[in-house]
Amino acid sequence: MTTLTSESATPRDAAPSRPRDRAVAGYKDLVAMVQETGLMQRRRGFYVVRITTTLLALAGIVAGVVLLDGSWWTLPLAGALALVMTQGAFLGHDGAHRQIWASHRANEWTGRVFACLVAGLSYGWWMGKHNKHHQAPNQKGIDTDIESDVVSFHTEAAESRRGLLAFFTRRQGWFFPPLLLLAGANLHVDSLRTLLGRKAPKRRFVDLGMMAAHWTLYVGFLLTFTSPGLTAAFVGVHLAVFGVSMGGAFAPNHMGMPIVPKGVKANFLNRQVAMSRNISGGFLIDLVMGGLNFQIEHHLFPSMPRPNLRKVQPMVAEFCAEHRITYTETTFFGAYRHIIANLNEVGLAARNPFTCPLRTELGR
């Protein structure tokens, strides 16, 4: 795992003489250029169409379950439901970033409805962890996305593993893809555990009420039209596919990118670009990743509407090239090859007690 050191940060009192220092000063010019293009303006038409198609797809699945009348051919609809709920989660994400409407209140409630009622996840829980992620992506002690009880994202975490977990950690890259099958259930558990904990987010009871309504309507509807066994199988398939679709969309964005130690200060531009990875592709990649395949642009302009990220991408790439800032873009499968190799490297590095820290740092 690549790790940034304190030398990677830009001194606050340094003159903008180095390329990266000049880039910080030039970032204001980039923001002004982007604002002049109008790409920060809302795309209400896009979101009205996306919201409508998501709800229509959800209604189509409901109708399909009714028409199949308890047949085991209902199970493929569980996978389809997971994909539709993933699109709902993306809309919740966009609402949280105020990308959809001009009104903060309208964005919040749109995000909350799609996150809690459609996807079954707490909007407040998501906001809390996601704000920390955007504040300091891939930084130890801040970004909770790199803290896990199962997967070790850096050698410090890998070295703390013992017993069977240590055995798994040394091979964690190969286990990562199948682990995504459990990610959907884990998201729901983490969401509920946060709402029931001492440090619960604001409006926790609103989230709890919507999530209770989600599961009551979901399971109650299935039990009405299918058997208990088919209901259980349907929920299992749905959660497995939901984990793969959500994990498949979010994992390539930052996993395998540099890790920032605690206490390191880095300027906003370098921090957001260096820790993010774009995924190349066309409409299908945009759809399955919810626009997050333009992760660098999303981190630089979090409130920019999703469809405008592709339009601003050439400007950002050119800006980074001019200022010699590493701009990472790869294919979807290329990203996963790197993620698997990186996770295995982290796990194997923790196995060797004779590694010299100075030699490791110089190697980086």
Protein backbone atom coordinates (compact mmCIF):
# COMPACT_ATOMS: atom_id res chain seq x y z
CA MET A 1 0.00 0.00 0.00
CA THR A 2 1.40 3.38 -0.96
CA THR A 3 1.59 5.73 2.02
CA LEU A 4 1.99 9.48 1.97
CA THR A 5 4.37 11.08 4.44
CA SER A 6 4.51 14.56 5.91
CA GLU A 7 6.83 15.60 3.10
CA SER A 8 3.95 15.00 0.68
CA ALA A 9 2.00 17.89 2.16
CA THR A 10 2.42 21.45 0.92
CA PRO A 11 3.78 23.86 3.58
CA ARG A 12 1.29 26.60 4.29
CA ASP A 13 3.85 29.39 4.16
CA ALA A 14 5.71 28.16 1.06
CA ALA A 15 5.74 30.27 -2.10
CA PRO A 16 3.99 28.67 -5.07
CA SER A 17 7.22 27.81 -6.86
CA ARG A 18 6.90 24.04 -7.25
CA PRO A 19 4.40 22.56 -9.76
CA ARG A 20 2.13 21.22 -7.03
CA ASP A 21 2.23 24.51 -5.12
CA ARG A 22 1.30 26.39 -8.27
CA ALA A 23 -1.51 23.90 -8.81
CA VAL A 24 -3.07 24.91 -5.49
CA ALA A 25 -3.07 28.53 -6.54
CA GLY A 26 -4.39 27.53 -9.97
CA TYR A 27 -7.23 25.49 -8.49
CA LYS A 28 -9.18 28.69 -7.93
CA ASP A 29 -8.84 29.43 -11.64
CA LEU A 30 -10.11 25.93 -12.45
CA VAL A 31 -13.14 26.45 -10.21
CA ALA A 32 -13.85 29.79 -11.89
CA MET A 33 -13.56 28.19 -15.35
CA VAL A 34 -15.93 25.39 -14.40
CA GLN A 35 -18.46 27.83 -12.98
CA GLU A 36 -18.35 29.86 -16.20
CA THR A 37 -19.26 26.76 -18.22
CA GLY A 38 -22.49 26.38 -16.25
CA LEU A 39 -21.68 22.78 -15.29
CA MET A 40 -22.49 23.48 -11.64
CA GLN A 41 -26.11 24.28 -12.51
CA ARG A 42 -28.82 21.77 -11.63
CA ARG A 43 -29.94 19.13 -14.15
CA ARG A 44 -33.53 18.71 -12.97
CA GLY A 45 -34.65 17.02 -16.20
CA PHE A 46 -32.05 14.28 -15.81
CA TYR A 47 -33.05 13.59 -12.23
CA VAL A 48 -36.79 13.65 -12.94
CA VAL A 49 -36.24 11.00 -15.63
CA ARG A 50 -33.91 8.96 -13.41
CA ILE A 51 -36.29 9.09 -10.42
CA THR A 52 -39.25 8.17 -12.62
CA THR A 53 -37.51 5.23 -14.30
CA THR A 54 -36.28 3.91 -10.94
CA LEU A 55 -39.79 3.98 -9.48
CA LEU A 56 -41.27 2.42 -12.63
CA ALA A 57 -38.68 -0.37 -12.51
CA LEU A 58 -39.57 -0.96 -8.85
CA ALA A 59 -43.27 -1.11 -9.77
CA GLY A 60 -42.48 -3.57 -12.58
CA ILE A 61 -40.73 -5.92 -10.15
CA VAL A 62 -43.68 -5.74 -7.76
CA ALA A 63 -46.02 -6.63 -10.63
CA GLY A 64 -43.73 -9.48 -11.67
CA VAL A 65 -43.83 -11.02 -8.19
CA VAL A 66 -47.62 -10.87 -8.21
CA LEU A 67 -47.94 -12.38 -11.70
CA LEU A 68 -45.51 -15.23 -10.98
CA ASP A 69 -47.78 -16.22 -8.06
CA GLY A 70 -45.29 -17.95 -5.79
CA SER A 71 -43.21 -19.60 -8.51
CA TRP A 72 -39.50 -20.10 -7.86
CA TRP A 73 -38.95 -18.19 -11.10
CA THR A 74 -39.52 -15.18 -8.84
CA LEU A 75 -35.90 -15.43 -7.63
CA PRO A 76 -34.35 -13.62 -10.65
CA LEU A 77 -36.51 -10.65 -9.70
CA ALA A 78 -34.60 -10.53 -6.40
CA GLY A 79 -31.42 -9.72 -8.33
CA ALA A 80 -33.29 -7.14 -10.39
CA LEU A 81 -34.65 -5.58 -7.18
CA ALA A 82 -31.11 -5.28 -5.81
CA LEU A 83 -30.00 -3.40 -8.92
CA VAL A 84 -33.00 -1.05 -8.69
CA MET A 85 -32.33 -0.41 -5.01
CA THR A 86 -28.71 0.34 -5.86
CA GLN A 87 -29.98 3.03 -8.22
CA GLY A 88 -32.10 4.30 -5.34
CA ALA A 89 -29.00 4.44 -3.14
CA PHE A 90 -27.22 6.46 -5.86
CA LEU A 91 -30.10 8.94 -5.86
CA GLY A 92 -29.82 9.13 -2.07
CA HIS A 93 -26.11 9.88 -2.50
CA ASP A 94 -26.83 12.62 -5.04
CA GLY A 95 -29.42 14.18 -2.76
CA ALA A 96 -26.94 14.16 0.12
CA HIS A 97 -24.51 16.11 -2.07
CA ARG A 98 -27.26 18.61 -3.04
CA GLN A 99 -26.93 17.72 -6.70
CA ILE A 100 -30.64 17.31 -7.52
CA TRP A 101 -32.58 20.41 -6.42
CA ALA A 102 -31.71 24.00 -5.55
CA SER A 103 -33.31 23.63 -2.11
CA HIS A 104 -31.24 22.03 0.62
CA ARG A 105 -34.41 20.72 2.28
CA ALA A 106 -35.67 19.16 -0.97
CA ASN A 107 -32.30 17.46 -1.54
CA GLU A 108 -32.22 16.13 2.01
CA TRP A 109 -35.70 14.63 1.88
CA THR A 110 -35.20 13.20 -1.59
CA GLY A 111 -31.99 11.60 -0.37
CA ARG A 112 -33.63 10.36 2.82
CA VAL A 113 -36.62 8.81 1.02
CA PHE A 114 -34.44 6.95 -1.49
CA ALA A 115 -31.85 5.89 1.09
CA CYS A 116 -34.21 4.80 3.88
CA LEU A 117 -37.50 3.93 2.23
CA VAL A 118 -36.26 2.54 -1.09
CA ALA A 119 -32.81 1.11 -0.26
CA GLY A 120 -33.43 0.44 3.45
CA LEU A 121 -30.28 2.27 4.64
CA SER A 122 -30.04 5.14 7.10
CA TYR A 123 -29.54 8.53 5.45
CA GLY A 124 -28.04 10.01 8.63
CA TRP A 125 -25.58 7.13 9.02
CA TRP A 126 -24.52 7.50 5.40
CA MET A 127 -24.08 11.29 5.72
CA GLY A 128 -21.89 10.96 8.80
CA LYS A 129 -19.45 8.45 7.32
CA HIS A 130 -19.49 9.96 3.84
CA ASN A 131 -18.70 13.47 5.06
CA LYS A 132 -15.62 12.13 6.85
CA HIS A 133 -14.61 10.32 3.68
CA HIS A 134 -14.82 13.47 1.57
CA GLN A 135 -13.02 15.49 4.23
CA ALA A 136 -9.96 13.23 4.17
CA PRO A 137 -10.20 10.27 1.76
CA ASN A 138 -7.96 7.32 2.68
CA GLN A 139 -6.59 9.01 5.82
CA LYS A 140 -6.15 6.88 8.91
CA GLY A 141 -8.20 7.98 11.89
CA ILE A 142 -10.66 10.00 9.79
CA ASP A 143 -11.91 8.02 6.79
CA THR A 144 -13.89 5.10 8.22
CA ASP A 145 -14.05 3.52 4.75
CA ILE A 146 -10.51 2.19 5.27
CA GLU A 147 -11.28 0.76 8.71
CA SER A 148 -12.68 -2.76 8.72
CA ASP A 149 -12.83 -5.70 11.09
CA VAL A 150 -12.33 -8.09 8.18
CA VAL A 151 -10.30 -6.49 5.36
CA SER A 152 -6.96 -4.80 6.14
CA PHE A 153 -6.41 -1.75 3.96
CA HIS A 154 -2.97 -0.92 5.38
CA THR A 155 -0.14 -2.85 7.05
CA GLU A 156 -0.85 -1.42 10.49
CA ALA A 157 -4.26 -3.08 10.46
CA ALA A 158 -2.88 -6.28 8.90
CA GLU A 159 -0.23 -6.63 11.61
CA SER A 160 -2.93 -6.67 14.31
CA ARG A 161 -4.61 -9.77 12.87
CA ARG A 162 -4.18 -13.05 14.71
CA GLY A 163 -5.10 -16.69 14.20
CA LEU A 164 -7.54 -17.55 11.44
CA LEU A 165 -8.02 -13.87 10.58
CA ALA A 166 -4.27 -13.54 9.98
CA PHE A 167 -4.42 -16.52 7.61
CA PHE A 168 -7.26 -14.82 5.75
CA THR A 169 -5.43 -11.46 5.68
CA ARG A 170 -2.43 -12.95 3.86
CA ARG A 171 -4.82 -13.99 1.06
CA GLN A 172 -7.43 -11.27 1.45
CA GLY A 173 -7.13 -10.05 -2.14
CA TRP A 174 -8.47 -13.34 -3.47
CA PHE A 175 -11.25 -13.41 -0.86
CA PHE A 176 -12.35 -9.83 -1.55
CA PRO A 177 -14.66 -10.43 -4.58
CA PRO A 178 -16.72 -13.19 -2.86
CA LEU A 179 -16.83 -11.08 0.31
CA LEU A 180 -18.87 -8.53 -1.63
CA LEU A 181 -21.74 -11.04 -1.45
CA LEU A 182 -21.94 -10.23 2.28
CA ALA A 183 -21.48 -6.47 1.89
CA GLY A 184 -25.19 -5.80 1.40
CA ALA A 185 -26.16 -7.38 4.71
CA ASN A 186 -23.22 -5.64 6.39
CA LEU A 187 -24.39 -2.22 5.16
CA HIS A 188 -27.81 -2.77 6.70
CA VAL A 189 -26.33 -4.00 9.99
CA ASP A 190 -23.92 -1.05 10.27
CA SER A 191 -26.71 1.36 9.40
CA LEU A 192 -29.05 0.01 12.09
CA ARG A 193 -26.29 -0.32 14.69
CA THR A 194 -25.36 3.35 14.26
CA LEU A 195 -28.97 4.48 14.65
CA LEU A 196 -29.32 2.46 17.86
CA GLY A 197 -25.96 3.57 19.27
CA ARG A 198 -25.10 6.47 21.58
CA LYS A 199 -23.73 8.67 18.80
CA ALA A 200 -26.77 8.42 16.59
CA PRO A 201 -27.19 11.02 13.80
CA LYS A 202 -29.90 13.66 13.74
CA ARG A 203 -33.44 12.57 12.87
CA ARG A 204 -32.57 9.00 13.83
CA PHE A 205 -36.23 8.22 14.56
CA VAL A 206 -37.24 9.44 11.09
CA ASP A 207 -34.67 7.09 9.59
CA LEU A 208 -35.75 4.24 11.86
CA GLY A 209 -39.39 4.79 10.95
CA MET A 210 -38.69 4.79 7.21
CA MET A 211 -36.43 1.74 7.45
CA ALA A 212 -39.07 -0.12 9.49
CA ALA A 213 -41.63 0.76 6.83
CA HIS A 214 -39.23 -0.48 4.14
CA TRP A 215 -38.78 -3.93 5.68
CA THR A 216 -42.41 -4.25 6.78
CA LEU A 217 -43.70 -3.55 3.28
CA TYR A 218 -40.95 -5.63 1.66
CA VAL A 219 -41.25 -8.80 3.74
CA GLY A 220 -45.01 -8.46 4.22
CA PHE A 221 -45.56 -8.21 0.48
CA LEU A 222 -43.39 -11.26 -0.23
CA LEU A 223 -45.15 -13.36 2.43
CA THR A 224 -48.49 -12.40 0.90
CA PHE A 225 -47.60 -13.67 -2.57
CA THR A 226 -44.92 -16.31 -1.90
CA SER A 227 -44.09 -19.02 0.64
CA PRO A 228 -41.89 -18.34 3.70
CA GLY A 229 -39.07 -20.40 2.14
CA LEU A 230 -39.19 -18.46 -1.11
CA THR A 231 -39.35 -15.21 0.84
CA ALA A 232 -36.17 -16.12 2.72
CA ALA A 233 -34.43 -17.13 -0.51
CA PHE A 234 -35.59 -13.93 -2.22
CA VAL A 235 -34.18 -11.74 0.57
CA GLY A 236 -30.90 -13.69 0.53
CA VAL A 237 -30.42 -13.32 -3.23
CA HIS A 238 -31.38 -9.66 -3.03
CA LEU A 239 -28.86 -8.87 -0.27
CA ALA A 240 -26.08 -10.78 -2.07
CA VAL A 241 -26.61 -8.98 -5.38
CA PHE A 242 -27.06 -5.66 -3.56
CA GLY A 243 -23.67 -6.14 -1.89
CA VAL A 244 -21.96 -6.91 -5.19
CA SER A 245 -23.59 -3.98 -7.00
CA MET A 246 -22.90 -1.46 -4.23
CA GLY A 247 -19.40 -2.76 -3.51
CA GLY A 248 -18.64 -3.00 -7.20
CA ALA A 249 -19.53 0.66 -7.60
CA PHE A 250 -17.65 2.07 -4.60
CA ALA A 251 -14.58 -0.17 -4.18
CA PRO A 252 -12.72 0.87 -7.39
CA ASN A 253 -12.84 4.56 -6.46
CA HIS A 254 -10.26 4.56 -3.64
CA MET A 255 -9.14 1.04 -2.75
CA GLY A 256 -5.49 0.49 -3.61
CA MET A 257 -4.80 4.24 -3.75
CA PRO A 258 -2.35 5.96 -1.35
CA ILE A 259 -3.06 5.82 2.40
CA VAL A 260 -2.46 8.99 4.43
CA PRO A 261 -1.09 8.57 8.01
CA LYS A 262 -2.74 10.32 10.93
CA GLY A 263 -1.82 13.96 11.40
CA VAL A 264 -0.49 14.56 7.89
CA LYS A 265 -1.63 17.86 6.38
CA ALA A 266 -2.23 17.88 2.65
CA ASN A 267 -3.80 20.57 0.50
CA PHE A 268 -7.30 19.96 -0.80
CA LEU A 269 -6.37 19.51 -4.46
CA ASN A 270 -3.56 17.00 -3.98
CA ARG A 271 -5.53 15.11 -1.35
CA GLN A 272 -8.63 14.65 -3.50
CA VAL A 273 -6.85 13.78 -6.76
CA ALA A 274 -4.08 11.56 -5.41
CA MET A 275 -6.41 9.36 -3.37
CA SER A 276 -9.05 8.86 -6.11
CA ARG A 277 -9.26 6.72 -9.23
CA ASN A 278 -11.47 7.19 -12.30
CA ILE A 279 -12.98 4.28 -14.22
CA SER A 280 -13.15 4.63 -18.00
CA GLY A 281 -16.18 3.50 -19.96
CA GLY A 282 -19.43 4.61 -21.51
CA PHE A 283 -23.13 4.58 -20.59
CA LEU A 284 -23.10 1.13 -18.93
CA ILE A 285 -20.27 2.08 -16.56
CA ASP A 286 -22.05 5.36 -15.78
CA LEU A 287 -25.19 3.41 -14.94
CA VAL A 288 -23.73 0.64 -12.75
CA MET A 289 -21.45 3.09 -10.89
CA GLY A 290 -23.96 5.89 -10.55
CA GLY A 291 -21.57 8.42 -12.08
CA LEU A 292 -18.96 7.66 -9.40
CA ASN A 293 -16.64 6.40 -12.13
CA PHE A 294 -15.66 10.10 -12.35
CA GLN A 295 -14.48 9.97 -8.76
CA ILE A 296 -11.77 12.62 -9.11
CA GLU A 297 -14.19 15.16 -10.53
CA HIS A 298 -16.80 14.21 -7.92
CA HIS A 299 -14.34 14.88 -5.10
CA LEU A 300 -13.26 18.20 -6.57
CA PHE A 301 -16.86 19.32 -7.24
CA PRO A 302 -19.09 17.31 -4.84
CA SER A 303 -22.28 19.26 -5.62
CA MET A 304 -21.92 19.00 -9.41
CA PRO A 305 -24.85 17.07 -10.93
CA ARG A 306 -23.94 13.53 -11.89
CA PRO A 307 -24.37 13.89 -15.71
CA ASN A 308 -22.02 16.90 -15.80
CA LEU A 309 -19.03 15.00 -14.38
CA ARG A 310 -18.25 13.47 -17.77
CA LYS A 311 -18.29 16.95 -19.34
CA VAL A 312 -15.89 18.47 -16.82
CA GLN A 313 -13.50 15.50 -16.89
CA PRO A 314 -11.35 16.72 -19.86
CA MET A 315 -10.83 20.08 -18.14
CA VAL A 316 -9.70 18.46 -14.90
CA ALA A 317 -7.42 15.97 -16.67
CA GLU A 318 -5.78 18.76 -18.66
CA PHE A 319 -5.35 20.87 -15.53
CA CYS A 320 -3.66 17.99 -13.66
CA ALA A 321 -1.37 17.29 -16.64
CA GLU A 322 -0.31 20.96 -16.81
CA HIS A 323 0.53 20.99 -13.09
CA ARG A 324 2.14 17.53 -13.06
CA ILE A 325 -0.44 16.05 -10.70
CA THR A 326 -0.91 12.30 -11.07
CA TYR A 327 -4.35 11.65 -12.52
CA THR A 328 -5.33 7.99 -12.27
CA GLU A 329 -7.78 6.42 -14.69
CA THR A 330 -8.15 2.77 -15.59
CA THR A 331 -10.72 0.22 -16.69
CA PHE A 332 -13.19 -1.43 -14.32
CA PHE A 333 -11.41 -4.79 -14.42
CA GLY A 334 -8.02 -3.09 -14.33
CA ALA A 335 -9.02 -1.43 -11.08
CA TYR A 336 -10.04 -4.75 -9.55
CA ARG A 337 -6.79 -6.39 -10.62
CA HIS A 338 -4.93 -3.63 -8.81
CA ILE A 339 -7.18 -3.87 -5.74
CA ILE A 340 -6.66 -7.64 -5.42
CA ALA A 341 -2.90 -7.33 -5.86
CA ASN A 342 -2.71 -4.46 -3.38
CA LEU A 343 -4.75 -6.25 -0.70
CA ASN A 344 -2.54 -9.32 -1.03
CA GLU A 345 0.55 -7.12 -0.81
CA VAL A 346 -0.72 -5.51 2.39
CA GLY A 347 -1.52 -8.89 3.92
CA LEU A 348 1.83 -10.44 2.98
CA ALA A 349 3.80 -7.40 4.17
CA ALA A 350 2.42 -7.87 7.66
CA ARG A 351 3.70 -11.47 7.71
CA ASN A 352 7.38 -10.54 7.50
CA PRO A 353 8.68 -9.42 10.94
CA PHE A 354 12.13 -8.56 9.52
CA THR A 355 11.01 -5.80 7.17
CA CYS A 356 13.07 -2.65 7.73
CA PRO A 357 10.73 0.41 8.03
CA LEU A 358 13.39 2.75 6.58
CA ARG A 359 13.98 0.47 3.61
CA THR A 360 10.22 0.21 3.02
CA GLU A 361 9.82 3.98 3.12
CA LEU A 362 12.74 4.56 0.76
CA GLY A 363 11.28 1.98 -1.59
CA ARG A 364 8.07 3.95 -1.75
